[in-house]
Protein backbone atom coordinates (compact mmCIF):
# COMPACT_ATOMS: atom_id res chain seq x y z
CA MET A 1 0.03 -0.09 -0.13
CA GLN A 2 1.02 3.23 -1.20
CA THR A 3 1.31 5.85 1.28
CA PRO A 4 1.24 9.14 0.24
CA GLY A 5 3.41 12.13 2.39
CA SER A 6 4.45 10.62 5.70
CA PRO A 7 4.98 7.69 7.83
CA ILE A 8 1.43 6.25 9.06
CA ARG A 9 1.52 7.21 12.66
CA LEU A 10 -2.59 6.71 13.88
CA LEU A 11 -4.86 5.05 12.07
CA VAL A 12 -8.44 4.80 12.84
CA LEU A 13 -11.24 2.65 11.58
CA ASP A 14 -15.27 2.17 12.65
CA VAL A 15 -16.87 -0.28 14.38
CA ASP A 16 -19.95 -0.94 12.35
CA GLY A 17 -19.01 -2.07 8.33
CA VAL A 18 -15.66 -1.77 9.00
CA LEU A 19 -14.34 -4.40 11.71
CA THR A 20 -17.49 -6.06 12.13
CA ASP A 21 -20.06 -6.94 8.57
CA GLY A 22 -21.97 -4.67 9.33
CA ARG A 23 -24.61 -6.75 10.47
CA LEU A 24 -26.01 -6.30 13.96
CA TYR A 25 -28.24 -9.13 15.69
CA TYR A 26 -31.01 -8.34 17.67
CA GLY A 27 -31.52 -11.16 20.99
CA ARG A 28 -35.08 -11.63 23.17
CA GLY A 29 -33.92 -9.25 25.10
CA GLY A 30 -33.07 -6.06 23.06
CA GLU A 31 -29.38 -6.72 23.13
CA VAL A 32 -27.59 -6.25 20.60
CA ALA A 33 -24.82 -8.97 19.26
CA LYS A 34 -21.30 -8.33 16.77
CA ALA A 35 -19.09 -10.99 14.99
CA PHE A 36 -15.67 -9.59 15.15
CA HIS A 37 -13.06 -11.07 12.80
CA VAL A 38 -9.75 -13.31 15.11
CA ARG A 39 -7.58 -12.02 12.08
CA ASP A 40 -8.29 -8.64 12.44
CA GLY A 41 -8.04 -8.81 15.55
CA TYR A 42 -4.10 -10.10 15.07
CA GLY A 43 -3.48 -7.86 12.79
CA LEU A 44 -4.77 -4.70 15.42
CA ARG A 45 -2.18 -6.56 18.21
CA ARG A 46 0.72 -6.60 15.65
CA ALA A 47 0.01 -3.40 14.33
CA LEU A 48 -0.39 -1.60 18.56
CA ASP A 49 3.26 -4.21 18.87
CA ALA A 50 5.24 -2.17 15.90
CA GLY A 51 3.93 1.38 17.88
CA LEU A 52 1.07 2.25 14.89
CA GLN A 53 -1.04 4.64 17.36
CA ILE A 54 -5.02 2.79 16.77
CA ALA A 55 -8.39 4.22 17.62
CA VAL A 56 -11.78 3.31 16.99
CA ILE A 57 -14.80 6.17 16.55
CA SER A 58 -18.61 4.55 16.12
CA GLY A 59 -21.26 7.03 15.71
CA ARG A 60 -22.73 3.12 18.11
CA PRO A 61 -22.78 2.45 21.68
CA SER A 62 -21.60 -1.38 21.88
CA GLU A 63 -20.91 -3.09 25.02
CA GLY A 64 -19.44 -6.11 23.02
CA ALA A 65 -17.33 -3.90 21.22
CA ALA A 66 -16.15 -2.08 23.95
CA GLN A 67 -15.03 -5.56 25.40
CA ARG A 68 -13.33 -6.65 21.83
CA LEU A 69 -11.50 -3.19 21.76
CA ARG A 70 -10.08 -4.24 25.49
CA GLU A 71 -9.45 -7.31 24.65
CA LEU A 72 -6.96 -6.28 21.72
CA GLY A 73 -5.97 -3.36 23.87
CA ILE A 74 -6.89 -0.66 22.00
CA ARG A 75 -6.71 2.90 24.58
CA HIS A 76 -8.12 5.26 21.94
CA VAL A 77 -12.65 4.26 21.46
CA PHE A 78 -14.97 6.48 21.07
CA LEU A 79 -18.26 4.80 21.00
CA ASP A 80 -20.99 6.62 20.79
CA CYS A 81 -20.11 9.38 18.83
CA ARG A 82 -22.13 11.95 17.56
CA GLU A 83 -18.93 14.52 15.97
CA LYS A 84 -16.33 11.84 14.24
CA ARG A 85 -14.95 14.90 12.51
CA LYS A 86 -13.73 16.52 16.23
CA THR A 87 -13.08 14.06 18.34
CA LEU A 88 -10.36 12.94 14.91
CA THR A 89 -9.49 16.76 15.71
CA ARG A 90 -9.08 16.44 19.65
CA LEU A 91 -6.94 13.29 19.42
CA GLN A 92 -4.44 14.04 16.74
CA GLU A 93 -3.72 17.37 19.00
CA GLU A 94 -3.67 14.80 21.70
CA LEU A 95 -1.48 12.44 20.02
CA ASN A 96 0.33 15.04 18.10
CA ILE A 97 -0.04 13.23 15.07
CA GLU A 98 -0.50 15.21 11.53
CA SER A 99 -2.89 14.59 9.52
CA ALA A 100 -0.38 12.66 6.47
CA ALA A 101 0.58 10.85 8.65
CA THR A 102 -3.27 9.29 10.08
CA ALA A 103 -5.05 6.73 8.59
CA VAL A 104 -8.98 6.07 8.49
CA MET A 105 -10.62 3.13 7.04
CA GLY A 106 -14.92 3.05 6.67
CA ASP A 107 -17.53 2.38 5.09
CA ASP A 108 -20.57 4.52 5.02
CA ILE A 109 -21.74 8.63 4.62
CA PRO A 110 -20.88 9.43 8.13
CA ASP A 111 -17.00 8.46 8.00
CA LEU A 112 -17.16 10.92 5.20
CA GLU A 113 -15.95 13.84 7.62
CA MET A 114 -12.89 11.71 9.25
CA MET A 115 -11.85 10.46 6.10
CA GLY A 116 -11.67 14.45 5.22
CA LEU A 117 -8.56 14.58 7.81
CA ALA A 118 -6.38 11.37 6.37
CA GLY A 119 -3.79 11.49 4.57
CA LEU A 120 -4.71 8.10 3.71
CA LYS A 121 -8.37 7.04 3.53
CA ILE A 122 -9.06 3.67 3.13
CA ALA A 123 -12.65 2.14 1.99
CA VAL A 124 -13.32 -1.20 2.91
CA LYS A 125 -14.80 -3.69 -0.52
CA ASP A 126 -18.60 -3.61 -0.04
CA ALA A 127 -18.49 0.22 1.70
CA HIS A 128 -20.69 2.69 0.17
CA PRO A 129 -19.75 4.42 -3.72
CA ASP A 130 -19.21 7.89 -1.80
CA ILE A 131 -16.39 6.61 0.07
CA LEU A 132 -15.47 3.93 -2.39
CA ARG A 133 -14.94 7.55 -4.49
CA GLN A 134 -12.89 8.99 -1.73
CA ALA A 135 -10.63 6.87 -0.57
CA ASP A 136 -7.15 6.25 -1.38
CA PHE A 137 -6.89 2.25 -1.01
CA ILE A 138 -9.85 -0.21 -0.97
CA THR A 139 -9.43 -2.77 0.66
CA THR A 140 -9.91 -6.73 -0.99
CA LEU A 141 -11.92 -7.83 1.34
CA LYS A 142 -15.30 -6.71 3.00
CA GLY A 143 -15.66 -4.85 6.30
CA GLY A 144 -15.77 -7.58 8.29
CA ARG A 145 -13.97 -10.91 7.02
CA GLY A 146 -10.18 -9.65 7.54
CA ALA A 147 -10.18 -5.80 5.49
CA VAL A 148 -8.37 -4.75 8.89
CA ARG A 149 -5.65 -7.18 9.23
CA GLU A 150 -4.97 -6.44 4.70
CA VAL A 151 -4.78 -2.82 5.96
CA CYS A 152 -2.35 -3.76 9.10
CA ASP A 153 -0.71 -5.62 7.03
CA ALA A 154 -0.02 -3.45 4.25
CA LEU A 155 1.05 -1.04 7.37
CA LEU A 156 3.22 -2.35 9.07
CA ALA A 157 5.18 -3.79 5.14
CA ASP A 158 5.19 -0.28 4.05
CA ALA A 159 6.61 0.56 7.79
CA ALA A 160 9.36 -2.37 7.03
CA PRO A 161 13.20 -1.23 6.71
CA ALA A 162 14.32 -2.13 2.64
CA SER A 163 16.17 -5.98 2.81
């Protein structure tokens, strides 16, 4: 994956449609279940271990997502977030990471504003057409089906010293 400008130091992800396939499963009591791909989790752990900052900014609340992200050790988690752009701007300032060194991975219209703050705009294969048009990189895999691992692997390969 060719990254324009600065090397990527911050990877920002949406949950529904990126870390999951976007489907919501409602139980009898109204609880919502989501499925996360284990390979995405492994890719995120490798990226964290390599020093990449990972953030998750999602418009929906989800205890299941919060639990999974805690298990992975992701510290920058913003769920039930109605102002994604403002949240990302604050995080970039807090971490002292410029837009050129930020990658945003999204799948639908609410992610467009965040993508505007990224040097690298990433869309999952099955993203909304507006997201696909804005993307610098489109994954070969669908959201929730290993697309995040694909991106992590590519970012780590770009960061590896040439041999």
